[in-house]
Protein backbone atom coordinates (compact mmCIF):
# COMPACT_ATOMS: atom_id res chain seq x y z
CA MET A 1 -33.20 -26.56 48.50
CA ASP A 2 -35.84 -27.19 51.33
CA GLU A 3 -37.75 -30.36 50.44
CA GLN A 4 -40.79 -28.94 51.76
CA LYS A 5 -40.78 -26.41 49.11
CA ASN A 6 -40.23 -28.70 46.32
CA GLN A 7 -43.03 -29.04 43.67
CA TYR A 8 -43.57 -32.29 41.78
CA ARG A 9 -45.91 -33.29 38.99
CA LYS A 10 -48.92 -35.02 40.06
CA ALA A 11 -48.95 -38.75 39.45
CA LEU A 12 -52.15 -40.83 38.84
CA PRO A 13 -52.58 -42.72 42.10
CA VAL A 14 -53.64 -46.49 41.31
CA GLN A 15 -54.50 -49.48 42.62
CA PRO A 16 -52.16 -51.98 42.03
CA VAL A 17 -52.84 -55.34 39.96
CA GLU A 18 -51.49 -58.07 42.13
CA ARG A 19 -51.28 -61.18 39.44
CA PHE A 20 -49.21 -62.83 42.15
CA THR A 21 -49.77 -64.07 45.44
CA PRO A 22 -47.64 -62.97 48.61
CA THR A 23 -46.30 -66.61 48.61
CA GLN A 24 -45.76 -66.70 44.71
CA ILE A 25 -43.62 -63.57 44.89
CA LYS A 26 -41.65 -64.95 47.82
CA SER A 27 -41.08 -68.17 45.45
CA ILE A 28 -39.86 -66.04 42.32
CA ASP A 29 -37.56 -63.95 44.96
CA GLU A 30 -36.18 -66.89 46.04
CA ALA A 31 -35.66 -68.55 42.66
CA SER A 32 -33.97 -65.37 41.35
CA THR A 33 -31.77 -65.35 44.31
CA LYS A 34 -30.80 -68.78 43.80
CA LEU A 35 -30.02 -68.62 39.72
CA LEU A 36 -27.74 -65.88 41.03
CA ALA A 37 -25.77 -67.39 43.50
CA GLU A 38 -25.70 -70.88 41.66
CA THR A 39 -25.83 -70.26 37.95
CA GLY A 40 -24.65 -66.58 38.30
CA ILE A 41 -24.05 -64.58 34.98
CA SER A 42 -21.18 -64.46 32.15
CA CYS A 43 -19.32 -61.07 31.94
CA ALA A 44 -17.59 -59.52 28.85
CA GLY A 45 -16.80 -56.59 30.86
CA ALA A 46 -13.41 -56.32 32.71
CA LYS A 47 -14.30 -53.55 34.48
CA ALA A 48 -17.94 -54.92 35.43
CA ALA A 49 -15.84 -58.21 36.71
CA VAL A 50 -13.45 -55.81 39.11
CA VAL A 51 -16.87 -53.96 40.25
CA TYR A 52 -18.38 -57.38 41.03
CA HIS A 53 -15.28 -58.52 42.82
CA SER A 54 -14.69 -55.64 44.93
CA ALA A 55 -18.18 -55.76 46.16
CA GLY A 56 -17.79 -59.54 47.23
CA CYS A 57 -19.29 -61.47 44.24
CA ARG A 58 -17.49 -64.37 43.56
CA VAL A 59 -15.65 -63.92 40.14
CA SER A 60 -13.97 -66.59 37.89
CA GLU A 61 -12.09 -66.11 34.90
CA MET A 62 -13.23 -68.46 31.90
CA GLU A 63 -12.43 -68.67 28.08
CA ASP A 64 -14.76 -69.28 25.32
CA GLY A 65 -12.33 -69.38 22.52
CA LYS A 66 -13.38 -65.67 21.32
CA GLN A 67 -13.02 -63.32 24.03
CA LYS A 68 -11.89 -63.03 27.51
CA MET A 69 -14.94 -63.50 29.97
CA TRP A 70 -15.75 -63.85 33.68
CA LYS A 71 -18.45 -65.94 35.64
CA ILE A 72 -20.11 -63.86 38.40
CA HIS A 73 -21.70 -65.55 41.21
CA PHE A 74 -23.89 -63.47 43.63
CA PRO A 75 -23.97 -64.62 47.28
CA GLU A 76 -27.50 -64.01 48.77
CA LYS A 77 -26.15 -62.17 51.70
CA LEU A 78 -24.69 -59.64 49.20
CA LEU A 79 -27.93 -59.35 47.10
CA LYS A 80 -29.97 -58.55 50.22
CA LYS A 81 -27.30 -55.90 51.43
CA ALA A 82 -27.38 -54.39 47.90
CA LEU A 83 -31.12 -54.33 47.95
CA GLY A 84 -31.39 -52.75 51.14
CA SER A 85 -29.30 -49.85 50.01
CA VAL A 86 -31.46 -48.92 47.35
CA PRO A 87 -33.24 -45.63 48.07
CA ALA A 88 -37.07 -45.77 48.31
CA ARG A 89 -37.65 -42.53 46.61
CA VAL A 90 -36.01 -41.40 43.27
CA VAL A 91 -36.59 -37.53 42.01
CA LEU A 92 -36.47 -36.76 38.16
CA GLY A 93 -35.85 -33.07 37.41
CA ALA A 94 -37.13 -31.04 34.57
CA ARG A 95 -36.50 -27.87 32.63
CA ASP A 96 -39.61 -26.45 34.39
CA PRO A 97 -39.34 -27.54 38.01
CA ARG A 98 -43.11 -27.96 37.99
CA ASN A 99 -42.36 -31.13 35.81
CA THR A 100 -40.18 -32.52 38.62
CA LEU A 101 -41.19 -36.28 39.05
CA LEU A 102 -41.23 -37.94 42.39
CA LEU A 103 -41.35 -41.70 42.24
CA GLN A 104 -41.93 -43.72 45.90
CA ALA A 105 -41.63 -47.37 46.27
CA ASP A 106 -44.05 -47.22 48.94
CA VAL A 107 -46.82 -45.22 46.83
CA PRO A 108 -48.84 -46.97 44.06
CA ALA A 109 -48.60 -44.15 41.46
CA VAL A 110 -48.29 -43.81 37.48
CA TYR A 111 -46.76 -41.42 35.25
CA PHE A 112 -47.06 -41.26 31.50
CA GLY A 113 -44.70 -40.90 28.97
CA THR A 114 -43.65 -41.92 25.42
CA GLY A 115 -41.53 -45.10 24.36
CA SER A 116 -39.74 -46.90 21.58
CA GLU A 117 -37.84 -45.71 18.85
CA ALA A 118 -38.78 -44.94 15.05
CA ASN A 119 -36.68 -44.85 12.48
CA ILE A 120 -39.32 -43.68 10.15
CA TYR A 121 -41.45 -40.48 10.97
CA LEU A 122 -44.80 -40.21 9.18
CA ARG A 123 -45.25 -36.74 8.32
CA SER A 124 -49.11 -35.92 7.59
CA ARG A 125 -50.77 -33.13 5.49
CA ILE A 126 -54.75 -32.86 4.80
CA GLU A 127 -55.38 -33.29 0.96
CA LYS A 128 -58.46 -32.40 -1.03
CA PHE A 129 -60.11 -35.46 -2.84
CA VAL A 130 -62.56 -35.12 -5.46
CA SER A 131 -64.96 -37.93 -6.93
CA ALA A 132 -64.23 -38.91 -10.26
CA GLY A 133 -67.85 -38.34 -11.41
CA ALA A 134 -69.43 -34.98 -11.64
CA GLY A 135 -66.88 -33.64 -8.95
CA ARG A 136 -69.67 -32.86 -6.77
CA ASN A 137 -68.28 -34.77 -3.69
CA THR A 138 -65.18 -34.16 -2.06
CA LEU A 139 -63.39 -35.23 0.84
CA HIS A 140 -60.55 -33.82 2.95
CA TYR A 141 -58.39 -36.75 4.38
CA PRO A 142 -54.95 -37.07 6.17
CA VAL A 143 -52.17 -38.41 3.72
CA CYS A 144 -48.61 -39.46 5.29
CA GLU A 145 -45.43 -39.51 3.81
CA GLU A 146 -42.46 -41.47 4.85
CA GLU A 147 -39.14 -39.70 5.86
CA PRO A 148 -36.09 -40.74 7.82
CA GLY A 149 -35.91 -39.99 11.33
CA SER A 150 -34.37 -36.09 11.85
CA MET A 151 -33.65 -33.88 14.47
CA ALA A 152 -36.50 -31.83 13.30
CA ALA A 153 -38.97 -34.79 13.57
CA LEU A 154 -37.68 -35.66 17.48
CA ALA A 155 -38.47 -31.99 17.83
CA ASP A 156 -41.63 -32.08 16.44
CA ALA A 157 -42.44 -35.04 18.82
CA ALA A 158 -40.73 -33.38 21.88
CA CYS A 159 -42.88 -30.15 21.43
CA LEU A 160 -46.13 -32.59 21.23
CA ILE A 161 -45.32 -33.79 24.20
CA ASP A 162 -45.02 -30.53 25.93
CA HIS A 163 -48.39 -29.60 24.99
CA LEU A 164 -50.13 -32.77 25.91
CA GLU A 165 -51.62 -32.31 29.36
CA HIS A 166 -51.56 -36.02 30.57
CA ALA A 167 -47.90 -36.86 29.13
CA ASP A 168 -45.28 -36.35 32.34
CA PHE A 169 -42.00 -37.28 30.66
CA PHE A 170 -40.41 -37.77 27.15
CA ILE A 171 -38.56 -40.61 26.02
CA ARG A 172 -36.77 -39.78 22.79
CA ASN A 173 -38.72 -41.77 20.27
CA VAL A 174 -37.03 -40.83 17.01
CA ASN A 175 -33.77 -42.07 15.78
CA ILE A 176 -31.97 -39.07 14.20
CA GLN A 177 -30.24 -39.83 10.95
CA ASP A 178 -29.25 -36.15 9.53
CA PRO A 179 -26.56 -36.21 7.06
CA GLU A 180 -24.54 -34.32 9.81
CA ILE A 181 -25.23 -36.51 12.47
CA ASN A 182 -22.34 -39.10 13.29
CA GLN A 183 -21.68 -41.80 16.07
CA ALA A 184 -19.61 -38.79 18.01
CA ASN A 185 -22.34 -36.04 17.80
CA LYS A 186 -25.25 -37.90 18.13
CA ASP A 187 -26.05 -38.36 21.78
CA VAL A 188 -25.51 -34.75 22.74
CA ASN A 189 -28.00 -33.87 19.65
CA VAL A 190 -30.39 -36.00 20.85
CA PHE A 191 -30.57 -34.49 24.33
CA PHE A 192 -30.07 -31.08 23.35
CA THR A 193 -32.97 -31.36 20.62
CA SER A 194 -35.19 -32.88 23.26
CA LEU A 195 -34.49 -30.59 25.95
CA CYS A 196 -35.00 -27.78 23.95
CA ASN A 197 -38.34 -28.49 22.75
CA THR A 198 -39.84 -30.09 25.95
CA ALA A 199 -39.68 -28.91 29.55
CA LYS A 200 -40.67 -32.25 30.88
CA HIS A 201 -38.29 -34.88 32.20
CA VAL A 202 -36.40 -36.45 29.10
CA GLN A 203 -35.00 -39.94 29.27
CA GLY A 204 -33.00 -41.70 26.64
CA GLY A 205 -30.41 -44.12 25.84
CA LEU A 206 -26.44 -43.33 25.16
CA THR A 207 -24.78 -44.60 21.94
CA GLU A 208 -21.33 -43.85 23.11
CA LEU A 209 -19.85 -44.00 26.36
CA GLU A 210 -17.38 -41.07 25.40
CA ALA A 211 -20.30 -38.70 24.87
CA LEU A 212 -21.60 -39.06 28.29
CA PRO A 213 -19.40 -36.26 29.78
CA ALA A 214 -20.60 -33.36 27.48
CA VAL A 215 -24.43 -34.57 27.83
CA ILE A 216 -23.83 -34.19 31.57
CA SER A 217 -22.42 -30.79 31.22
CA LEU A 218 -25.44 -29.76 28.66
CA ALA A 219 -27.94 -30.93 31.68
CA LYS A 220 -26.49 -29.15 34.14
CA ILE A 221 -26.33 -25.77 31.90
CA ILE A 222 -30.03 -26.56 31.32
CA ALA A 223 -30.67 -27.23 35.16
CA GLY A 224 -28.94 -24.05 36.49
CA GLU A 225 -29.51 -24.04 40.14
CA GLN A 226 -31.87 -26.88 40.01
CA PRO A 227 -30.66 -29.71 42.36
CA HIS A 228 -31.69 -32.39 39.93
CA LEU A 229 -30.63 -32.95 35.95
CA PRO A 230 -33.41 -32.84 33.58
CA LEU A 231 -32.73 -36.06 32.16
CA SER A 232 -31.85 -39.77 32.89
CA PHE A 233 -30.74 -42.87 31.03
CA ILE A 234 -31.82 -46.53 29.96
CA VAL A 235 -29.45 -48.88 29.62
CA CYS A 236 -29.65 -52.88 28.77
CA PRO A 237 -26.33 -54.42 30.21
CA ILE A 238 -27.78 -57.81 30.11
CA ARG A 239 -28.21 -59.89 26.66
CA SER A 240 -30.54 -62.67 27.34
CA PRO A 241 -29.89 -65.03 28.99
CA LEU A 242 -27.62 -63.90 31.59
CA PHE A 243 -24.84 -62.52 29.84
CA MET A 244 -23.36 -59.29 30.74
CA VAL A 245 -22.39 -56.95 27.68
CA SER A 246 -19.03 -55.22 27.79
CA ASP A 247 -19.80 -51.70 26.62
CA SER A 248 -22.79 -51.63 28.23
CA SER A 249 -21.79 -52.54 31.66
CA GLU A 250 -19.21 -49.68 31.03
CA LYS A 251 -22.13 -47.47 30.49
CA VAL A 252 -23.82 -48.47 33.80
CA ILE A 253 -20.83 -48.13 35.87
CA ALA A 254 -20.04 -44.32 34.18
CA ILE A 255 -23.57 -43.24 34.96
CA ALA A 256 -23.45 -44.70 38.39
CA ARG A 257 -20.88 -43.02 39.65
CA GLU A 258 -22.19 -39.85 38.21
CA GLN A 259 -25.05 -40.59 40.44
CA ILE A 260 -27.68 -40.13 37.62
CA PRO A 261 -30.86 -41.85 37.54
CA MET A 262 -30.90 -44.91 35.37
CA VAL A 263 -33.28 -47.63 34.06
CA ILE A 264 -31.91 -51.06 33.77
CA SER A 265 -33.79 -52.72 30.83
CA SER A 266 -33.93 -56.75 30.50
CA SER A 267 -35.80 -58.38 27.34
CA PRO A 268 -36.09 -61.96 27.27
CA GLN A 269 -37.92 -63.65 24.83
CA GLY A 270 -40.13 -66.67 26.28
CA GLY A 271 -39.30 -70.01 24.23
CA VAL A 272 -36.14 -68.36 22.99
CA THR A 273 -33.94 -66.71 25.40
CA ALA A 274 -35.95 -67.44 28.49
CA PRO A 275 -38.28 -70.41 29.65
CA ILE A 276 -41.32 -70.52 27.91
CA GLN A 277 -43.49 -70.65 31.23
CA GLU A 278 -44.57 -66.99 32.80
CA GLU A 279 -42.77 -67.80 36.29
CA GLY A 280 -39.79 -68.57 34.56
CA ILE A 281 -39.30 -65.34 32.50
CA VAL A 282 -40.10 -63.26 35.61
CA ILE A 283 -37.68 -65.18 37.57
CA GLN A 284 -35.00 -64.31 34.71
CA ILE A 285 -36.08 -60.92 34.37
CA ASN A 286 -35.80 -59.95 37.94
CA ALA A 287 -32.17 -61.99 38.20
CA GLU A 288 -31.00 -60.30 34.92
CA ILE A 289 -32.09 -56.58 36.53
CA LEU A 290 -30.77 -57.50 40.05
CA ALA A 291 -27.58 -58.47 38.30
CA GLY A 292 -27.57 -55.13 36.45
């Protein structure tokens, strides 16, 4: 497809808020690089260890008494080479091509979407309340009832985002718990329900690695002749501090091999699984995301 003819959903241009000076940013980058080179990460994934070794990392086997693990050290030259190969632009497709998102590293801009995931869905209705006196005073007020997350609730949420003018993409925000949903069919139903109820880009996590082929097949059917799939993934392969989880690392490898856009998440807590100082937290987050 001719790139000149592509239509992208308009992003909101912003003026970046620079909380750190260029000198501080350089120091953080150098500290993250040193952390990965000298301290490294612990890795419980055999496949990830093989990938790291083949890429040029220093990999050594270690025992913790419970499971087989590997210590991974990242040479500075390897990190710079990897960063140099990162694309400066990423395209996220959508069921409606007009909702396709263009992310550009050199253009400060923002797209807005949903986030988080709720186990409980609040369904509201308007009820009429009458005063206890003569009954002359009435009030119409919304009343909410709790219900477990379901495909119907997820569909409602996706449909709402589809109709909100300033919402640009949808991150599945309801944990579906219908009786017929199990670990094997959950991922397909999450993405199918979301994609059927919004024509905007859909992003979500992957519960089971085995579901990836079916989810990709579903996305290709919906995309038709469009060059970009209408979905992307979120994966958190690192458990802070600096520990790569086996199953999540395998998801990262599988999704990367399919060349599907993916968000690498990291969520250390200052004073618990990360240094309490802000600079230390940023250094660790940067290192964990680079490792992912």
